[in-house]
Amino acid sequence: MLVYIVDDSGRVLLLRDPAGDAWELVSGALEADETVLEGALREAREEIGPAVRLRPLGIVHVQSIHYDATVRDMIDIGYLFAYDGGEIVPGDDAAGFEFHWWAPEELHLEDVRVVVPHDQKWLFERALELHALWRQVERPLQPVPTQQIDQL
């Protein structure tokens, strides 16, 4: 699972292990009996801290991938969140990691190494476009009228 976290300025959050040279998305795997949303939120909490507030926006992309010799095929899910605030403190799975908010134009710099999911740079673009679309049409959720619920 890849977790795209985008702030109000349209920047995406990436992490880097100080021992490495590449910036990466929050990522991980679903646990047994966990929904996609629950897994994405858990991974975010484990890697960027429990104080971070995220607004779930939905799935960016789903695809099957060949992982390795042990786990031959996997379903990879990209989930998009809007960052609603809270202190970022890498911990648990990302203790000691650095974090940085990257503007879209910075993601394409040749001197910055960003691990691109399955060499598909368009996934970053899609996440940023979906976030921008959400910001343009944001509106409060309306309750479903009772008579419509009864008809279901």
N, C-alpha and C. Protein backbone atom coordinates (compact mmCIF):
# COMPACT_ATOMS: atom_id res chain seq x y z
N MET A 1 0.83 -1.16 0.00
CA MET A 1 0.00 0.00 0.00
C MET A 1 0.89 1.24 0.00
N LEU A 2 0.51 2.21 -0.82
CA LEU A 2 1.20 3.49 -0.88
C LEU A 2 0.26 4.55 -0.36
N VAL A 3 0.75 5.43 0.49
CA VAL A 3 -0.09 6.44 1.10
C VAL A 3 0.39 7.81 0.64
N TYR A 4 -0.46 8.47 -0.15
CA TYR A 4 -0.19 9.81 -0.65
C TYR A 4 -0.83 10.80 0.32
N ILE A 5 -0.01 11.67 0.92
CA ILE A 5 -0.51 12.68 1.84
C ILE A 5 -0.18 14.03 1.23
N VAL A 6 -1.22 14.83 0.99
CA VAL A 6 -1.06 16.10 0.29
C VAL A 6 -1.57 17.23 1.18
N ASP A 7 -0.81 18.32 1.28
CA ASP A 7 -1.21 19.45 2.12
C ASP A 7 -2.00 20.48 1.31
N ASP A 8 -2.44 21.55 1.98
CA ASP A 8 -3.26 22.58 1.34
C ASP A 8 -2.55 23.29 0.19
N SER A 9 -1.22 23.25 0.20
CA SER A 9 -0.45 23.90 -0.87
C SER A 9 -0.22 22.98 -2.06
N GLY A 10 -0.75 21.75 -1.99
CA GLY A 10 -0.57 20.80 -3.09
C GLY A 10 0.78 20.11 -3.08
N ARG A 11 1.41 20.04 -1.91
CA ARG A 11 2.69 19.36 -1.78
C ARG A 11 2.46 17.97 -1.20
N VAL A 12 3.28 17.02 -1.62
CA VAL A 12 3.17 15.64 -1.15
C VAL A 12 4.26 15.36 -0.13
N LEU A 13 3.89 14.62 0.91
CA LEU A 13 4.83 14.29 1.98
C LEU A 13 5.62 13.04 1.61
N LEU A 14 6.95 13.14 1.72
CA LEU A 14 7.82 12.00 1.48
C LEU A 14 8.78 11.84 2.66
N LEU A 15 9.22 10.62 2.88
CA LEU A 15 10.14 10.28 3.95
C LEU A 15 11.44 9.75 3.38
N ARG A 16 12.52 9.89 4.16
CA ARG A 16 13.80 9.33 3.72
C ARG A 16 14.56 8.79 4.93
N ASP A 17 15.05 7.58 4.77
CA ASP A 17 15.93 6.99 5.76
C ASP A 17 17.28 7.70 5.63
N PRO A 18 17.81 8.27 6.71
CA PRO A 18 19.09 8.97 6.61
C PRO A 18 20.23 8.11 6.06
N ALA A 19 20.10 6.79 6.18
CA ALA A 19 21.13 5.89 5.66
C ALA A 19 20.98 5.69 4.15
N GLY A 20 19.86 6.13 3.59
CA GLY A 20 19.61 5.96 2.16
C GLY A 20 19.70 7.29 1.44
N ASP A 21 19.41 7.24 0.15
CA ASP A 21 19.48 8.47 -0.64
C ASP A 21 18.18 8.76 -1.38
N ALA A 22 17.13 8.00 -1.10
CA ALA A 22 15.88 8.17 -1.84
C ALA A 22 14.74 8.58 -0.92
N TRP A 23 13.87 9.41 -1.44
CA TRP A 23 12.65 9.82 -0.76
C TRP A 23 11.53 8.88 -1.17
N GLU A 24 10.66 8.52 -0.20
CA GLU A 24 9.60 7.54 -0.45
C GLU A 24 8.28 7.98 0.18
N LEU A 25 7.19 7.42 -0.33
CA LEU A 25 5.89 7.59 0.27
C LEU A 25 5.78 6.76 1.53
N VAL A 26 4.85 7.12 2.41
CA VAL A 26 4.46 6.24 3.49
C VAL A 26 3.95 4.97 2.82
N SER A 27 4.34 3.82 3.33
CA SER A 27 3.92 2.58 2.67
C SER A 27 3.91 1.42 3.66
N GLY A 28 3.26 0.35 3.27
CA GLY A 28 3.21 -0.83 4.10
C GLY A 28 2.19 -1.82 3.57
N ALA A 29 1.85 -2.79 4.38
CA ALA A 29 0.93 -3.85 3.96
C ALA A 29 -0.28 -3.90 4.89
N LEU A 30 -1.38 -4.36 4.33
CA LEU A 30 -2.58 -4.56 5.13
C LEU A 30 -2.38 -5.73 6.08
N GLU A 31 -2.99 -5.64 7.25
CA GLU A 31 -2.97 -6.74 8.19
C GLU A 31 -4.29 -7.49 8.07
N ALA A 32 -4.35 -8.69 8.65
CA ALA A 32 -5.55 -9.52 8.59
C ALA A 32 -6.75 -8.77 9.15
N ASP A 33 -7.89 -8.89 8.48
CA ASP A 33 -9.16 -8.29 8.89
C ASP A 33 -9.13 -6.76 8.94
N GLU A 34 -8.28 -6.15 8.17
CA GLU A 34 -8.15 -4.70 8.15
C GLU A 34 -8.71 -4.17 6.83
N THR A 35 -9.48 -3.10 6.87
CA THR A 35 -9.95 -2.48 5.63
C THR A 35 -8.80 -1.68 5.03
N VAL A 36 -8.96 -1.29 3.78
CA VAL A 36 -7.94 -0.48 3.12
C VAL A 36 -7.75 0.83 3.87
N LEU A 37 -8.84 1.47 4.24
CA LEU A 37 -8.74 2.73 4.98
C LEU A 37 -8.06 2.53 6.34
N GLU A 38 -8.43 1.49 7.07
CA GLU A 38 -7.80 1.22 8.36
C GLU A 38 -6.30 0.99 8.20
N GLY A 39 -5.92 0.23 7.18
CA GLY A 39 -4.51 -0.04 6.95
C GLY A 39 -3.73 1.20 6.57
N ALA A 40 -4.31 2.03 5.72
CA ALA A 40 -3.63 3.26 5.31
C ALA A 40 -3.45 4.20 6.50
N LEU A 41 -4.47 4.32 7.34
CA LEU A 41 -4.36 5.17 8.53
C LEU A 41 -3.34 4.61 9.51
N ARG A 42 -3.33 3.30 9.71
CA ARG A 42 -2.36 2.67 10.62
C ARG A 42 -0.94 2.92 10.14
N GLU A 43 -0.70 2.69 8.84
CA GLU A 43 0.65 2.92 8.29
C GLU A 43 1.07 4.37 8.46
N ALA A 44 0.13 5.29 8.23
CA ALA A 44 0.45 6.71 8.40
C ALA A 44 0.82 7.01 9.85
N ARG A 45 0.04 6.50 10.79
CA ARG A 45 0.34 6.73 12.22
C ARG A 45 1.70 6.14 12.60
N GLU A 46 1.98 4.92 12.10
CA GLU A 46 3.25 4.27 12.43
C GLU A 46 4.44 5.04 11.86
N GLU A 47 4.27 5.63 10.70
CA GLU A 47 5.43 6.24 10.03
C GLU A 47 5.54 7.74 10.24
N ILE A 48 4.42 8.46 10.49
CA ILE A 48 4.54 9.91 10.66
C ILE A 48 3.95 10.41 11.97
N GLY A 49 3.49 9.51 12.82
CA GLY A 49 3.07 9.88 14.16
C GLY A 49 1.58 9.91 14.38
N PRO A 50 1.17 9.68 15.62
CA PRO A 50 -0.25 9.60 15.96
C PRO A 50 -0.96 10.95 16.03
N ALA A 51 -0.22 12.05 16.09
CA ALA A 51 -0.84 13.38 16.21
C ALA A 51 -1.31 13.94 14.87
N VAL A 52 -0.89 13.33 13.78
CA VAL A 52 -1.24 13.84 12.45
C VAL A 52 -2.72 13.56 12.17
N ARG A 53 -3.40 14.61 11.67
CA ARG A 53 -4.81 14.48 11.29
C ARG A 53 -4.91 14.40 9.77
N LEU A 54 -5.55 13.35 9.30
CA LEU A 54 -5.68 13.12 7.86
C LEU A 54 -7.15 12.98 7.48
N ARG A 55 -7.50 13.51 6.32
CA ARG A 55 -8.84 13.38 5.78
C ARG A 55 -8.79 12.40 4.62
N PRO A 56 -9.45 11.24 4.74
CA PRO A 56 -9.41 10.25 3.65
C PRO A 56 -10.15 10.76 2.42
N LEU A 57 -9.48 10.69 1.27
CA LEU A 57 -10.09 11.12 0.01
C LEU A 57 -10.38 9.96 -0.92
N GLY A 58 -9.67 8.86 -0.77
CA GLY A 58 -9.98 7.68 -1.58
C GLY A 58 -8.78 7.08 -2.28
N ILE A 59 -9.09 6.12 -3.11
CA ILE A 59 -8.07 5.35 -3.81
C ILE A 59 -7.56 6.13 -5.03
N VAL A 60 -6.25 6.15 -5.18
CA VAL A 60 -5.61 6.77 -6.34
C VAL A 60 -5.53 5.76 -7.49
N HIS A 61 -5.11 4.54 -7.14
CA HIS A 61 -4.91 3.52 -8.17
C HIS A 61 -4.74 2.16 -7.50
N VAL A 62 -5.16 1.12 -8.21
CA VAL A 62 -4.97 -0.26 -7.74
C VAL A 62 -4.41 -1.06 -8.91
N GLN A 63 -3.40 -1.87 -8.61
CA GLN A 63 -2.84 -2.72 -9.67
C GLN A 63 -2.21 -3.96 -9.07
N SER A 64 -2.11 -4.99 -9.85
CA SER A 64 -1.40 -6.18 -9.39
C SER A 64 0.07 -6.00 -9.78
N ILE A 65 0.94 -6.50 -8.91
CA ILE A 65 2.38 -6.38 -9.16
C ILE A 65 3.08 -7.69 -8.80
N HIS A 66 4.22 -7.92 -9.41
CA HIS A 66 5.09 -9.03 -9.02
C HIS A 66 6.00 -8.47 -7.95
N TYR A 67 5.98 -9.05 -6.74
CA TYR A 67 6.73 -8.51 -5.62
C TYR A 67 8.13 -9.11 -5.53
N ASP A 68 8.21 -10.40 -5.24
CA ASP A 68 9.50 -11.09 -5.18
C ASP A 68 9.27 -12.59 -5.33
N ALA A 69 10.32 -13.39 -5.13
CA ALA A 69 10.20 -14.84 -5.32
C ALA A 69 9.29 -15.49 -4.29
N THR A 70 9.22 -14.94 -3.09
CA THR A 70 8.38 -15.49 -2.03
C THR A 70 6.92 -15.10 -2.22
N VAL A 71 6.69 -13.81 -2.44
CA VAL A 71 5.33 -13.30 -2.68
C VAL A 71 5.27 -12.90 -4.15
N ARG A 72 4.82 -13.83 -4.95
CA ARG A 72 4.90 -13.61 -6.40
C ARG A 72 3.98 -12.48 -6.87
N ASP A 73 2.75 -12.48 -6.42
CA ASP A 73 1.81 -11.46 -6.90
C ASP A 73 1.13 -10.78 -5.72
N MET A 74 0.97 -9.48 -5.85
CA MET A 74 0.33 -8.68 -4.81
C MET A 74 -0.61 -7.68 -5.47
N ILE A 75 -1.56 -7.20 -4.69
CA ILE A 75 -2.38 -6.07 -5.12
C ILE A 75 -1.80 -4.84 -4.43
N ASP A 76 -1.42 -3.86 -5.20
CA ASP A 76 -0.87 -2.61 -4.67
C ASP A 76 -1.95 -1.54 -4.75
N ILE A 77 -2.19 -0.87 -3.64
CA ILE A 77 -3.24 0.13 -3.54
C ILE A 77 -2.61 1.46 -3.16
N GLY A 78 -2.92 2.50 -3.90
CA GLY A 78 -2.50 3.85 -3.56
C GLY A 78 -3.67 4.59 -2.96
N TYR A 79 -3.51 5.10 -1.73
CA TYR A 79 -4.60 5.79 -1.04
C TYR A 79 -4.22 7.25 -0.81
N LEU A 80 -5.18 8.15 -1.02
CA LEU A 80 -4.94 9.59 -0.92
C LEU A 80 -5.57 10.17 0.33
N PHE A 81 -4.79 10.97 1.06
CA PHE A 81 -5.27 11.71 2.22
C PHE A 81 -4.94 13.19 2.06
N ALA A 82 -5.82 14.03 2.57
CA ALA A 82 -5.51 15.45 2.72
C ALA A 82 -4.96 15.63 4.13
N TYR A 83 -3.88 16.37 4.24
CA TYR A 83 -3.27 16.65 5.54
C TYR A 83 -4.07 17.75 6.22
N ASP A 84 -4.62 17.46 7.40
CA ASP A 84 -5.41 18.43 8.15
C ASP A 84 -4.67 19.00 9.34
N GLY A 85 -3.40 18.69 9.50
CA GLY A 85 -2.62 19.26 10.58
C GLY A 85 -2.05 18.20 11.51
N GLY A 86 -1.39 18.70 12.55
CA GLY A 86 -0.76 17.82 13.53
C GLY A 86 0.72 17.69 13.26
N GLU A 87 1.46 17.52 14.34
CA GLU A 87 2.92 17.42 14.24
C GLU A 87 3.35 16.10 13.63
N ILE A 88 4.26 16.20 12.67
CA ILE A 88 4.82 15.01 12.04
C ILE A 88 6.05 14.60 12.83
N VAL A 89 6.00 13.39 13.38
CA VAL A 89 7.11 12.85 14.16
C VAL A 89 7.32 11.41 13.70
N PRO A 90 8.24 11.19 12.75
CA PRO A 90 8.46 9.83 12.28
C PRO A 90 8.78 8.90 13.45
N GLY A 91 8.10 7.76 13.48
CA GLY A 91 8.30 6.83 14.58
C GLY A 91 7.97 5.42 14.18
N ASP A 92 8.07 4.51 15.11
CA ASP A 92 7.84 3.09 14.89
C ASP A 92 8.58 2.61 13.65
N ASP A 93 7.86 2.46 12.54
CA ASP A 93 8.46 1.94 11.30
C ASP A 93 9.43 2.92 10.65
N ALA A 94 9.40 4.20 11.03
CA ALA A 94 10.24 5.20 10.37
C ALA A 94 11.04 6.03 11.37
N ALA A 95 11.36 5.47 12.52
CA ALA A 95 12.12 6.19 13.54
C ALA A 95 13.42 6.72 12.96
N GLY A 96 13.66 8.00 13.16
CA GLY A 96 14.89 8.62 12.66
C GLY A 96 14.83 9.08 11.22
N PHE A 97 13.74 8.82 10.53
CA PHE A 97 13.61 9.24 9.14
C PHE A 97 13.44 10.76 9.06
N GLU A 98 13.84 11.31 7.94
CA GLU A 98 13.60 12.71 7.63
C GLU A 98 12.27 12.79 6.88
N PHE A 99 11.64 13.96 6.91
CA PHE A 99 10.45 14.15 6.09
C PHE A 99 10.53 15.51 5.41
N HIS A 100 9.86 15.62 4.29
CA HIS A 100 9.86 16.87 3.52
C HIS A 100 8.58 16.93 2.70
N TRP A 101 8.00 18.13 2.63
CA TRP A 101 6.85 18.36 1.75
C TRP A 101 7.40 18.79 0.38
N TRP A 102 7.05 18.05 -0.66
CA TRP A 102 7.57 18.30 -2.00
C TRP A 102 6.50 18.92 -2.90
N ALA A 103 6.83 20.04 -3.50
CA ALA A 103 5.96 20.65 -4.51
C ALA A 103 6.05 19.80 -5.77
N PRO A 104 5.00 19.79 -6.60
CA PRO A 104 5.02 18.95 -7.80
C PRO A 104 6.25 19.17 -8.68
N GLU A 105 6.66 20.41 -8.83
CA GLU A 105 7.82 20.68 -9.70
C GLU A 105 9.12 20.15 -9.10
N GLU A 106 9.20 20.01 -7.78
CA GLU A 106 10.39 19.49 -7.14
C GLU A 106 10.54 17.98 -7.34
N LEU A 107 9.42 17.30 -7.52
CA LEU A 107 9.47 15.84 -7.69
C LEU A 107 10.18 15.42 -8.98
N HIS A 108 10.34 16.36 -9.90
CA HIS A 108 10.93 16.04 -11.19
C HIS A 108 12.39 16.51 -11.32
N LEU A 109 12.96 17.04 -10.23
CA LEU A 109 14.35 17.47 -10.28
C LEU A 109 15.26 16.27 -10.48
N GLU A 110 16.25 16.44 -11.34
CA GLU A 110 17.15 15.33 -11.64
C GLU A 110 18.11 15.01 -10.49
N ASP A 111 18.38 15.99 -9.62
CA ASP A 111 19.33 15.75 -8.54
C ASP A 111 18.66 15.24 -7.26
N VAL A 112 17.36 14.98 -7.31
CA VAL A 112 16.64 14.42 -6.17
C VAL A 112 16.14 13.03 -6.55
N ARG A 113 16.50 12.04 -5.75
CA ARG A 113 16.08 10.67 -6.04
C ARG A 113 14.80 10.38 -5.27
N VAL A 114 13.72 10.17 -6.00
CA VAL A 114 12.43 9.82 -5.42
C VAL A 114 12.07 8.43 -5.91
N VAL A 115 11.76 7.55 -4.96
CA VAL A 115 11.32 6.21 -5.35
C VAL A 115 9.91 6.34 -5.90
N VAL A 116 9.78 6.03 -7.16
CA VAL A 116 8.49 6.13 -7.83
C VAL A 116 7.83 4.77 -7.80
N PRO A 117 6.58 4.72 -7.38
CA PRO A 117 5.90 3.42 -7.33
C PRO A 117 5.93 2.72 -8.68
N HIS A 118 6.65 1.63 -8.74
CA HIS A 118 6.70 0.79 -9.94
C HIS A 118 7.07 1.60 -11.19
N ASP A 119 7.94 2.59 -11.00
CA ASP A 119 8.41 3.46 -12.10
C ASP A 119 7.26 4.14 -12.83
N GLN A 120 6.23 4.50 -12.11
CA GLN A 120 5.06 5.15 -12.71
C GLN A 120 4.88 6.54 -12.10
N LYS A 121 5.60 7.51 -12.65
CA LYS A 121 5.54 8.88 -12.13
C LYS A 121 4.13 9.47 -12.22
N TRP A 122 3.34 8.97 -13.13
CA TRP A 122 2.00 9.52 -13.30
C TRP A 122 1.14 9.30 -12.06
N LEU A 123 1.50 8.36 -11.17
CA LEU A 123 0.72 8.14 -9.95
C LEU A 123 0.80 9.36 -9.02
N PHE A 124 1.97 10.00 -8.95
CA PHE A 124 2.09 11.24 -8.18
C PHE A 124 1.18 12.31 -8.78
N GLU A 125 1.24 12.43 -10.10
CA GLU A 125 0.42 13.42 -10.79
C GLU A 125 -1.07 13.18 -10.53
N ARG A 126 -1.48 11.93 -10.61
CA ARG A 126 -2.88 11.58 -10.38
C ARG A 126 -3.31 11.94 -8.96
N ALA A 127 -2.47 11.61 -7.97
CA ALA A 127 -2.80 11.94 -6.58
C ALA A 127 -2.94 13.44 -6.40
N LEU A 128 -2.04 14.21 -6.98
CA LEU A 128 -2.09 15.66 -6.86
C LEU A 128 -3.31 16.24 -7.59
N GLU A 129 -3.64 15.69 -8.74
CA GLU A 129 -4.82 16.15 -9.48
C GLU A 129 -6.10 15.84 -8.71
N LEU A 130 -6.19 14.64 -8.13
CA LEU A 130 -7.38 14.28 -7.35
C LEU A 130 -7.51 15.17 -6.12
N HIS A 131 -6.40 15.49 -5.48
CA HIS A 131 -6.44 16.39 -4.32
C HIS A 131 -6.92 17.77 -4.75
N ALA A 132 -6.40 18.27 -5.86
CA ALA A 132 -6.81 19.59 -6.36
C ALA A 132 -8.30 19.60 -6.71
N LEU A 133 -8.78 18.53 -7.30
CA LEU A 133 -10.19 18.43 -7.64
C LEU A 133 -11.03 18.46 -6.36
N TRP A 134 -10.63 17.71 -5.35
CA TRP A 134 -11.35 17.70 -4.08
C TRP A 134 -11.39 19.10 -3.48
N ARG A 135 -10.29 19.83 -3.52
CA ARG A 135 -10.24 21.19 -2.94
C ARG A 135 -11.20 22.12 -3.66
N GLN A 136 -11.38 21.92 -4.96
CA GLN A 136 -12.27 22.79 -5.74
C GLN A 136 -13.73 22.54 -5.44
N VAL A 137 -14.10 21.33 -5.10
CA VAL A 137 -15.51 20.99 -4.91
C VAL A 137 -15.83 20.62 -3.47
N GLU A 138 -14.93 20.95 -2.55
CA GLU A 138 -15.17 20.59 -1.16
C GLU A 138 -16.49 21.19 -0.68
N ARG A 139 -17.26 20.37 -0.04
CA ARG A 139 -18.53 20.82 0.53
C ARG A 139 -18.87 19.89 1.69
N PRO A 140 -19.66 20.38 2.63
CA PRO A 140 -19.99 19.52 3.76
C PRO A 140 -20.84 18.33 3.31
N LEU A 141 -20.65 17.21 3.98
CA LEU A 141 -21.45 16.04 3.66
C LEU A 141 -22.88 16.26 4.12
N GLN A 142 -23.82 15.88 3.29
CA GLN A 142 -25.23 16.00 3.62
C GLN A 142 -25.75 14.64 4.07
N PRO A 143 -26.56 14.61 5.11
CA PRO A 143 -27.11 13.31 5.53
C PRO A 143 -28.07 12.79 4.47
N VAL A 144 -28.11 11.48 4.34
CA VAL A 144 -29.05 10.86 3.41
C VAL A 144 -30.44 10.92 4.03
N PRO A 145 -31.46 11.44 3.30
CA PRO A 145 -32.80 11.49 3.86
C PRO A 145 -33.29 10.09 4.26
N THR A 146 -34.02 10.02 5.36
CA THR A 146 -34.49 8.75 5.91
C THR A 146 -35.27 7.94 4.90
N GLN A 147 -36.11 8.59 4.08
CA GLN A 147 -36.91 7.82 3.12
C GLN A 147 -36.03 7.12 2.09
N GLN A 148 -34.87 7.69 1.76
CA GLN A 148 -33.97 7.02 0.82
C GLN A 148 -33.32 5.80 1.47
N ILE A 149 -33.01 5.88 2.75
CA ILE A 149 -32.42 4.75 3.46
C ILE A 149 -33.44 3.60 3.50
N ASP A 150 -34.70 3.93 3.75
CA ASP A 150 -35.74 2.90 3.82
C ASP A 150 -35.92 2.18 2.48
N GLN A 151 -35.60 2.85 1.38
CA GLN A 151 -35.77 2.26 0.05
C GLN A 151 -34.63 1.32 -0.32
N LEU A 152 -33.54 1.38 0.41
CA LEU A 152 -32.37 0.55 0.08
C LEU A 152 -32.58 -0.89 0.41
